PDB file of N, CA and C in Angstrom:
ATOM      1  N   UNK A   1      81.938  73.330 -23.793  1.00  0.00           N
ATOM      2  CA  UNK A   1      81.605  72.921 -25.175  1.00  0.00           C
ATOM      3  C   UNK A   1      80.793  74.143 -25.740  1.00  0.00           C
ATOM      4  N   UNK A   2      81.072  74.417 -27.070  1.00  0.00           N
ATOM      5  CA  UNK A   2      80.381  75.394 -27.714  1.00  0.00           C
ATOM      6  C   UNK A   2      79.389  74.749 -28.638  1.00  0.00           C
ATOM      7  N   UNK A   3      78.150  75.244 -28.683  1.00  0.00           N
ATOM      8  CA  UNK A   3      77.139  74.728 -29.590  1.00  0.00           C
ATOM      9  C   UNK A   3      76.583  75.791 -30.472  1.00  0.00           C
ATOM     10  N   UNK A   4      76.867  75.561 -31.816  1.00  0.00           N
ATOM     11  CA  UNK A   4      76.407  76.485 -32.827  1.00  0.00           C
ATOM     12  C   UNK A   4      75.471  75.897 -33.751  1.00  0.00           C
ATOM     13  N   UNK A   5      74.356  76.886 -34.206  1.00  0.00           N
ATOM     14  CA  UNK A   5      73.331  76.246 -35.120  1.00  0.00           C
ATOM     15  C   UNK A   5      72.703  77.434 -35.896  1.00  0.00           C
ATOM     16  N   UNK A   6      71.831  77.182 -36.779  1.00  0.00           N
ATOM     17  CA  UNK A   6      71.178  78.195 -37.504  1.00  0.00           C
ATOM     18  C   UNK A   6      69.684  77.633 -37.851  1.00  0.00           C
ATOM     19  N   UNK A   7      68.845  78.574 -37.945  1.00  0.00           N
ATOM     20  CA  UNK A   7      67.460  78.335 -38.314  1.00  0.00           C
ATOM     21  C   UNK A   7      67.005  79.275 -39.349  1.00  0.00           C
ATOM     22  N   UNK A   8      66.527  78.838 -40.428  1.00  0.00           N
ATOM     23  CA  UNK A   8      66.091  79.763 -41.540  1.00  0.00           C
ATOM     24  C   UNK A   8      64.519  79.607 -41.609  1.00  0.00           C
ATOM     25  N   UNK A   9      63.821  80.742 -41.550  1.00  0.00           N
ATOM     26  CA  UNK A   9      62.417  80.735 -41.682  1.00  0.00           C
ATOM     27  C   UNK A   9      62.014  81.538 -43.004  1.00  0.00           C
ATOM     28  N   UNK A  10      61.334  80.879 -43.837  1.00  0.00           N
ATOM     29  CA  UNK A  10      60.863  81.435 -45.020  1.00  0.00           C
ATOM     30  C   UNK A  10      59.314  81.740 -44.961  1.00  0.00           C
ATOM     31  N   UNK A  11      58.868  82.938 -45.518  1.00  0.00           N
ATOM     32  CA  UNK A  11      57.464  83.328 -45.429  1.00  0.00           C
ATOM     33  C   UNK A  11      56.925  83.652 -46.837  1.00  0.00           C
ATOM     34  N   UNK A  12      55.763  83.642 -46.948  1.00  0.00           N
ATOM     35  CA  UNK A  12      55.050  83.844 -48.237  1.00  0.00           C
ATOM     36  C   UNK A  12      55.429  85.299 -48.711  1.00  0.00           C
ATOM     37  N   UNK A  13      55.488  86.270 -47.816  1.00  0.00           N
ATOM     38  CA  UNK A  13      55.718  87.639 -48.294  1.00  0.00           C
ATOM     39  C   UNK A  13      56.717  88.302 -47.531  1.00  0.00           C
ATOM     40  N   UNK A  14      57.316  89.442 -48.041  1.00  0.00           N
ATOM     41  CA  UNK A  14      58.345  90.089 -47.361  1.00  0.00           C
ATOM     42  C   UNK A  14      57.630  90.882 -46.209  1.00  0.00           C
ATOM     43  N   UNK A  15      56.493  91.347 -46.425  1.00  0.00           N
ATOM     44  CA  UNK A  15      55.697  92.166 -45.429  1.00  0.00           C
ATOM     45  C   UNK A  15      55.534  91.136 -44.072  1.00  0.00           C
ATOM     46  N   UNK A  16      55.131  89.914 -44.307  1.00  0.00           N
ATOM     47  CA  UNK A  16      54.929  89.094 -43.213  1.00  0.00           C
ATOM     48  C   UNK A  16      56.106  88.691 -42.478  1.00  0.00           C
ATOM     49  N   UNK A  17      57.364  88.523 -43.260  1.00  0.00           N
ATOM     50  CA  UNK A  17      58.527  88.255 -42.712  1.00  0.00           C
ATOM     51  C   UNK A  17      59.046  89.460 -41.862  1.00  0.00           C
ATOM     52  N   UNK A  18      58.711  90.701 -42.410  1.00  0.00           N
ATOM     53  CA  UNK A  18      59.147  91.924 -41.613  1.00  0.00           C
ATOM     54  C   UNK A  18      58.427  91.952 -40.281  1.00  0.00           C
ATOM     55  N   UNK A  19      57.108  91.701 -40.355  1.00  0.00           N
ATOM     56  CA  UNK A  19      56.351  91.750 -39.096  1.00  0.00           C
ATOM     57  C   UNK A  19      56.815  90.765 -38.119  1.00  0.00           C
ATOM     58  N   UNK A  20      57.026  89.542 -38.389  1.00  0.00           N
ATOM     59  CA  UNK A  20      57.685  88.572 -37.612  1.00  0.00           C
ATOM     60  C   UNK A  20      58.986  89.010 -37.009  1.00  0.00           C
ATOM     61  N   UNK A  21      59.820  89.468 -38.022  1.00  0.00           N
ATOM     62  CA  UNK A  21      61.182  89.812 -37.488  1.00  0.00           C
ATOM     63  C   UNK A  21      61.074  90.930 -36.498  1.00  0.00           C
ATOM     64  N   UNK A  22      60.441  91.976 -36.704  1.00  0.00           N
ATOM     65  CA  UNK A  22      60.167  93.092 -35.747  1.00  0.00           C
ATOM     66  C   UNK A  22      59.513  92.676 -34.537  1.00  0.00           C
ATOM     67  N   UNK A  23      58.597  91.808 -34.554  1.00  0.00           N
ATOM     68  CA  UNK A  23      57.939  91.287 -33.327  1.00  0.00           C
ATOM     69  C   UNK A  23      58.970  90.512 -32.400  1.00  0.00           C
ATOM     70  N   UNK A  24      59.799  89.809 -33.095  1.00  0.00           N
ATOM     71  CA  UNK A  24      60.827  88.923 -32.243  1.00  0.00           C
ATOM     72  C   UNK A  24      62.092  89.597 -31.800  1.00  0.00           C
ATOM     73  N   UNK A  25      62.457  90.572 -32.594  1.00  0.00           N
ATOM     74  CA  UNK A  25      63.826  91.099 -32.497  1.00  0.00           C
ATOM     75  C   UNK A  25      64.198  91.674 -31.080  1.00  0.00           C
ATOM     76  N   UNK A  26      63.323  92.226 -30.470  1.00  0.00           N
ATOM     77  CA  UNK A  26      63.534  92.747 -29.107  1.00  0.00           C
ATOM     78  C   UNK A  26      63.740  91.684 -28.034  1.00  0.00           C
ATOM     79  N   UNK A  27      62.929  90.628 -28.233  1.00  0.00           N
ATOM     80  CA  UNK A  27      63.146  89.554 -27.403  1.00  0.00           C
ATOM     81  C   UNK A  27      64.524  88.705 -27.576  1.00  0.00           C
ATOM     82  N   UNK A  28      64.905  88.806 -28.766  1.00  0.00           N
ATOM     83  CA  UNK A  28      66.126  87.926 -29.246  1.00  0.00           C
ATOM     84  C   UNK A  28      67.436  88.675 -29.004  1.00  0.00           C
ATOM     85  N   UNK A  29      67.502  89.982 -28.656  1.00  0.00           N
ATOM     86  CA  UNK A  29      68.757  90.666 -28.492  1.00  0.00           C
ATOM     87  C   UNK A  29      69.501  89.975 -27.398  1.00  0.00           C
ATOM     88  N   UNK A  30      70.788  89.968 -27.625  1.00  0.00           N
ATOM     89  CA  UNK A  30      71.735  89.343 -26.629  1.00  0.00           C
ATOM     90  C   UNK A  30      71.749  87.730 -26.731  1.00  0.00           C
ATOM     91  N   UNK A  31      70.766  87.167 -27.343  1.00  0.00           N
ATOM     92  CA  UNK A  31      70.586  85.652 -27.271  1.00  0.00           C
ATOM     93  C   UNK A  31      70.955  85.083 -28.530  1.00  0.00           C
ATOM     94  N   UNK A  32      70.798  85.633 -29.608  1.00  0.00           N
ATOM     95  CA  UNK A  32      71.016  85.152 -31.008  1.00  0.00           C
ATOM     96  C   UNK A  32      71.083  86.375 -32.036  1.00  0.00           C
ATOM     97  N   UNK A  33      71.764  85.895 -33.196  1.00  0.00           N
ATOM     98  CA  UNK A  33      71.823  86.942 -34.259  1.00  0.00           C
ATOM     99  C   UNK A  33      70.676  86.554 -35.250  1.00  0.00           C
ATOM    100  N   UNK A  34      70.216  87.724 -35.771  1.00  0.00           N
ATOM    101  CA  UNK A  34      69.140  87.561 -36.755  1.00  0.00           C
ATOM    102  C   UNK A  34      69.410  88.462 -37.973  1.00  0.00           C
ATOM    103  N   UNK A  35      68.889  88.055 -39.161  1.00  0.00           N
ATOM    104  CA  UNK A  35      69.137  88.755 -40.303  1.00  0.00           C
ATOM    105  C   UNK A  35      67.843  88.628 -41.211  1.00  0.00           C
ATOM    106  N   UNK A  36      67.239  89.748 -41.518  1.00  0.00           N
ATOM    107  CA  UNK A  36      66.043  89.740 -42.482  1.00  0.00           C
ATOM    108  C   UNK A  36      66.464  89.978 -43.917  1.00  0.00           C
ATOM    109  N   UNK A  37      66.148  89.192 -44.802  1.00  0.00           N
ATOM    110  CA  UNK A  37      66.474  89.352 -46.150  1.00  0.00           C
ATOM    111  C   UNK A  37      65.287  88.929 -46.947  1.00  0.00           C
ATOM    112  N   UNK A  38      64.460  89.849 -47.471  1.00  0.00           N
ATOM    113  CA  UNK A  38      63.221  89.798 -48.215  1.00  0.00           C
ATOM    114  C   UNK A  38      62.186  88.905 -47.327  1.00  0.00           C
ATOM    115  N   UNK A  39      61.904  87.807 -47.903  1.00  0.00           N
ATOM    116  CA  UNK A  39      60.938  87.017 -47.173  1.00  0.00           C
ATOM    117  C   UNK A  39      61.579  85.974 -46.227  1.00  0.00           C
ATOM    118  N   UNK A  40      62.837  86.026 -45.921  1.00  0.00           N
ATOM    119  CA  UNK A  40      63.508  85.099 -45.129  1.00  0.00           C
ATOM    120  C   UNK A  40      64.078  85.682 -43.864  1.00  0.00           C
ATOM    121  N   UNK A  41      64.031  84.997 -42.776  1.00  0.00           N
ATOM    122  CA  UNK A  41      64.740  85.389 -41.589  1.00  0.00           C
ATOM    123  C   UNK A  41      65.794  84.265 -41.183  1.00  0.00           C
ATOM    124  N   UNK A  42      67.029  84.586 -41.046  1.00  0.00           N
ATOM    125  CA  UNK A  42      68.001  83.665 -40.681  1.00  0.00           C
ATOM    126  C   UNK A  42      68.480  83.973 -39.213  1.00  0.00           C
ATOM    127  N   UNK A  43      68.516  82.910 -38.421  1.00  0.00           N
ATOM    128  CA  UNK A  43      68.923  83.079 -36.963  1.00  0.00           C
ATOM    129  C   UNK A  43      70.214  82.291 -36.817  1.00  0.00           C
ATOM    130  N   UNK A  44      71.112  82.825 -36.059  1.00  0.00           N
ATOM    131  CA  UNK A  44      72.376  82.066 -35.714  1.00  0.00           C
ATOM    132  C   UNK A  44      72.330  82.046 -34.115  1.00  0.00           C
ATOM    133  N   UNK A  45      72.450  80.721 -33.667  1.00  0.00           N
ATOM    134  CA  UNK A  45      72.384  80.623 -32.156  1.00  0.00           C
ATOM    135  C   UNK A  45      73.718  80.042 -31.725  1.00  0.00           C
ATOM    136  N   UNK A  46      74.393  80.631 -30.701  1.00  0.00           N
ATOM    137  CA  UNK A  46      75.639  80.181 -30.182  1.00  0.00           C
ATOM    138  C   UNK A  46      75.545  80.093 -28.582  1.00  0.00           C
ATOM    139  N   UNK A  47      75.749  78.948 -28.206  1.00  0.00           N
ATOM    140  CA  UNK A  47      75.582  78.787 -26.719  1.00  0.00           C
ATOM    141  C   UNK A  47      76.725  77.910 -26.194  1.00  0.00           C
ATOM    142  N   UNK A  48      76.891  78.003 -24.923  1.00  0.00           N
ATOM    143  CA  UNK A  48      77.935  77.410 -24.146  1.00  0.00           C
ATOM    144  C   UNK A  48      77.623  75.973 -23.697  1.00  0.00           C
ATOM    145  N   UNK A  49      76.294  75.648 -23.721  1.00  0.00           N
ATOM    146  CA  UNK A  49      75.884  74.367 -23.415  1.00  0.00           C
ATOM    147  C   UNK A  49      74.817  73.858 -24.270  1.00  0.00           C
ATOM    148  N   UNK A  50      74.600  72.565 -24.463  1.00  0.00           N
ATOM    149  CA  UNK A  50      73.458  72.023 -25.118  1.00  0.00           C
ATOM    150  C   UNK A  50      72.200  72.442 -24.494  1.00  0.00           C
ATOM    151  N   UNK A  51      72.167  72.502 -23.188  1.00  0.00           N
ATOM    152  CA  UNK A  51      70.788  72.834 -22.531  1.00  0.00           C
ATOM    153  C   UNK A  51      70.389  74.279 -22.833  1.00  0.00           C
ATOM    154  N   UNK A  52      71.318  75.208 -22.956  1.00  0.00           N
ATOM    155  CA  UNK A  52      71.147  76.692 -23.256  1.00  0.00           C
ATOM    156  C   UNK A  52      70.816  76.752 -24.723  1.00  0.00           C
ATOM    157  N   UNK A  53      71.366  76.062 -25.425  1.00  0.00           N
ATOM    158  CA  UNK A  53      71.140  75.998 -26.953  1.00  0.00           C
ATOM    159  C   UNK A  53      69.593  75.544 -27.268  1.00  0.00           C
ATOM    160  N   UNK A  54      69.284  74.439 -26.686  1.00  0.00           N
ATOM    161  CA  UNK A  54      67.916  73.872 -26.849  1.00  0.00           C
ATOM    162  C   UNK A  54      66.869  74.905 -26.243  1.00  0.00           C
ATOM    163  N   UNK A  55      67.232  75.522 -25.127  1.00  0.00           N
ATOM    164  CA  UNK A  55      66.246  76.492 -24.621  1.00  0.00           C
ATOM    165  C   UNK A  55      66.009  77.693 -25.497  1.00  0.00           C
ATOM    166  N   UNK A  56      67.101  78.033 -25.987  1.00  0.00           N
ATOM    167  CA  UNK A  56      67.058  79.223 -26.939  1.00  0.00           C
ATOM    168  C   UNK A  56      66.284  78.906 -28.185  1.00  0.00           C
ATOM    169  N   UNK A  57      66.457  77.760 -28.796  1.00  0.00           N
ATOM    170  CA  UNK A  57      65.756  77.304 -29.952  1.00  0.00           C
ATOM    171  C   UNK A  57      64.241  77.166 -29.664  1.00  0.00           C
ATOM    172  N   UNK A  58      63.894  76.529 -28.506  1.00  0.00           N
ATOM    173  CA  UNK A  58      62.637  76.284 -28.014  1.00  0.00           C
ATOM    174  C   UNK A  58      61.875  77.721 -27.956  1.00  0.00           C
ATOM    175  N   UNK A  59      62.443  78.741 -27.134  1.00  0.00           N
ATOM    176  CA  UNK A  59      61.805  79.927 -26.957  1.00  0.00           C
ATOM    177  C   UNK A  59      61.641  80.590 -28.419  1.00  0.00           C
ATOM    178  N   UNK A  60      62.670  80.638 -29.267  1.00  0.00           N
ATOM    179  CA  UNK A  60      62.505  81.241 -30.477  1.00  0.00           C
ATOM    180  C   UNK A  60      61.253  80.581 -31.318  1.00  0.00           C
ATOM    181  N   UNK A  61      61.293  79.354 -31.464  1.00  0.00           N
ATOM    182  CA  UNK A  61      60.109  78.662 -32.194  1.00  0.00           C
ATOM    183  C   UNK A  61      58.823  78.961 -31.559  1.00  0.00           C
ATOM    184  N   UNK A  62      58.655  78.902 -30.141  1.00  0.00           N
ATOM    185  CA  UNK A  62      57.386  79.272 -29.533  1.00  0.00           C
ATOM    186  C   UNK A  62      56.945  80.694 -29.713  1.00  0.00           C
ATOM    187  N   UNK A  63      57.880  81.590 -29.631  1.00  0.00           N
ATOM    188  CA  UNK A  63      57.714  82.952 -29.809  1.00  0.00           C
ATOM    189  C   UNK A  63      57.203  83.273 -31.393  1.00  0.00           C
ATOM    190  N   UNK A  64      57.789  82.472 -32.359  1.00  0.00           N
ATOM    191  CA  UNK A  64      57.498  82.697 -33.540  1.00  0.00           C
ATOM    192  C   UNK A  64      56.048  82.095 -33.898  1.00  0.00           C
ATOM    193  N   UNK A  65      55.716  81.097 -33.328  1.00  0.00           N
ATOM    194  CA  UNK A  65      54.294  80.571 -33.506  1.00  0.00           C
ATOM    195  C   UNK A  65      53.305  81.418 -32.994  1.00  0.00           C
ATOM    196  N   UNK A  66      53.612  82.111 -31.829  1.00  0.00           N
ATOM    197  CA  UNK A  66      52.634  83.073 -31.222  1.00  0.00           C
ATOM    198  C   UNK A  66      52.478  84.246 -32.067  1.00  0.00           C
ATOM    199  N   UNK A  67      53.706  84.857 -32.468  1.00  0.00           N
ATOM    200  CA  UNK A  67      53.594  86.149 -33.321  1.00  0.00           C
ATOM    201  C   UNK A  67      52.986  85.750 -34.618  1.00  0.00           C
ATOM    202  N   UNK A  68      53.153  84.665 -35.211  1.00  0.00           N
ATOM    203  CA  UNK A  68      52.448  84.320 -36.460  1.00  0.00           C
ATOM    204  C   UNK A  68      50.990  84.166 -36.189  1.00  0.00           C
ATOM    205  N   UNK A  69      50.511  83.552 -35.234  1.00  0.00           N
ATOM    206  CA  UNK A  69      49.037  83.354 -35.003  1.00  0.00           C
ATOM    207  C   UNK A  69      48.481  84.799 -34.671  1.00  0.00           C
ATOM    208  N   UNK A  70      49.192  85.708 -33.949  1.00  0.00           N
ATOM    209  CA  UNK A  70      48.500  86.970 -33.682  1.00  0.00           C
ATOM    210  C   UNK A  70      48.370  87.796 -34.970  1.00  0.00           C
ATOM    211  N   UNK A  71      49.533  87.811 -35.745  1.00  0.00           N
ATOM    212  CA  UNK A  71      49.444  88.491 -37.084  1.00  0.00           C
ATOM    213  C   UNK A  71      48.305  88.000 -37.948  1.00  0.00           C
ATOM    214  N   UNK A  72      48.161  86.617 -38.046  1.00  0.00           N
ATOM    215  CA  UNK A  72      47.226  86.156 -38.854  1.00  0.00           C
ATOM    216  C   UNK A  72      45.754  86.481 -38.375  1.00  0.00           C
ATOM    217  N   UNK A  73      45.538  86.425 -37.012  1.00  0.00           N
ATOM    218  CA  UNK A  73      44.198  86.799 -36.426  1.00  0.00           C
ATOM    219  C   UNK A  73      43.963  88.303 -36.686  1.00  0.00           C
ATOM    220  N   UNK A  74      44.933  89.070 -36.597  1.00  0.00           N
ATOM    221  CA  UNK A  74      44.813  90.589 -36.727  1.00  0.00           C
ATOM    222  C   UNK A  74      44.366  90.991 -38.143  1.00  0.00           C
ATOM    223  N   UNK A  75      45.011  90.253 -39.156  1.00  0.00           N
ATOM    224  CA  UNK A  75      44.665  90.541 -40.577  1.00  0.00           C
ATOM    225  C   UNK A  75      43.444  89.984 -41.009  1.00  0.00           C
ATOM    226  N   UNK A  76      42.880  89.118 -40.276  1.00  0.00           N
ATOM    227  CA  UNK A  76      41.509  88.587 -40.674  1.00  0.00           C
ATOM    228  C   UNK A  76      40.399  89.405 -40.152  1.00  0.00           C
ATOM    229  N   UNK A  77      40.714  90.290 -39.176  1.00  0.00           N
ATOM    230  CA  UNK A  77      39.655  91.184 -38.721  1.00  0.00           C
ATOM    231  C   UNK A  77      39.369  92.392 -39.521  1.00  0.00           C
TER     232      UNK A  77
END
């Protein structure tokens, strides 16, 4: 069975979106497609099983949260 889905993340600024995109892109290669457009990142996830799909989505969201927190902490210093 093929499972396909997409996630769109919108950010306040293009700069923040670019930082997140660049932070996650290396880890996402070969697992999902991503596209940066101004302050929005679109992800397309295609998997052969529901378990794999859910694991990919979970990893993406967890990685995004960590990257966002690091960038916010770094900018406050």
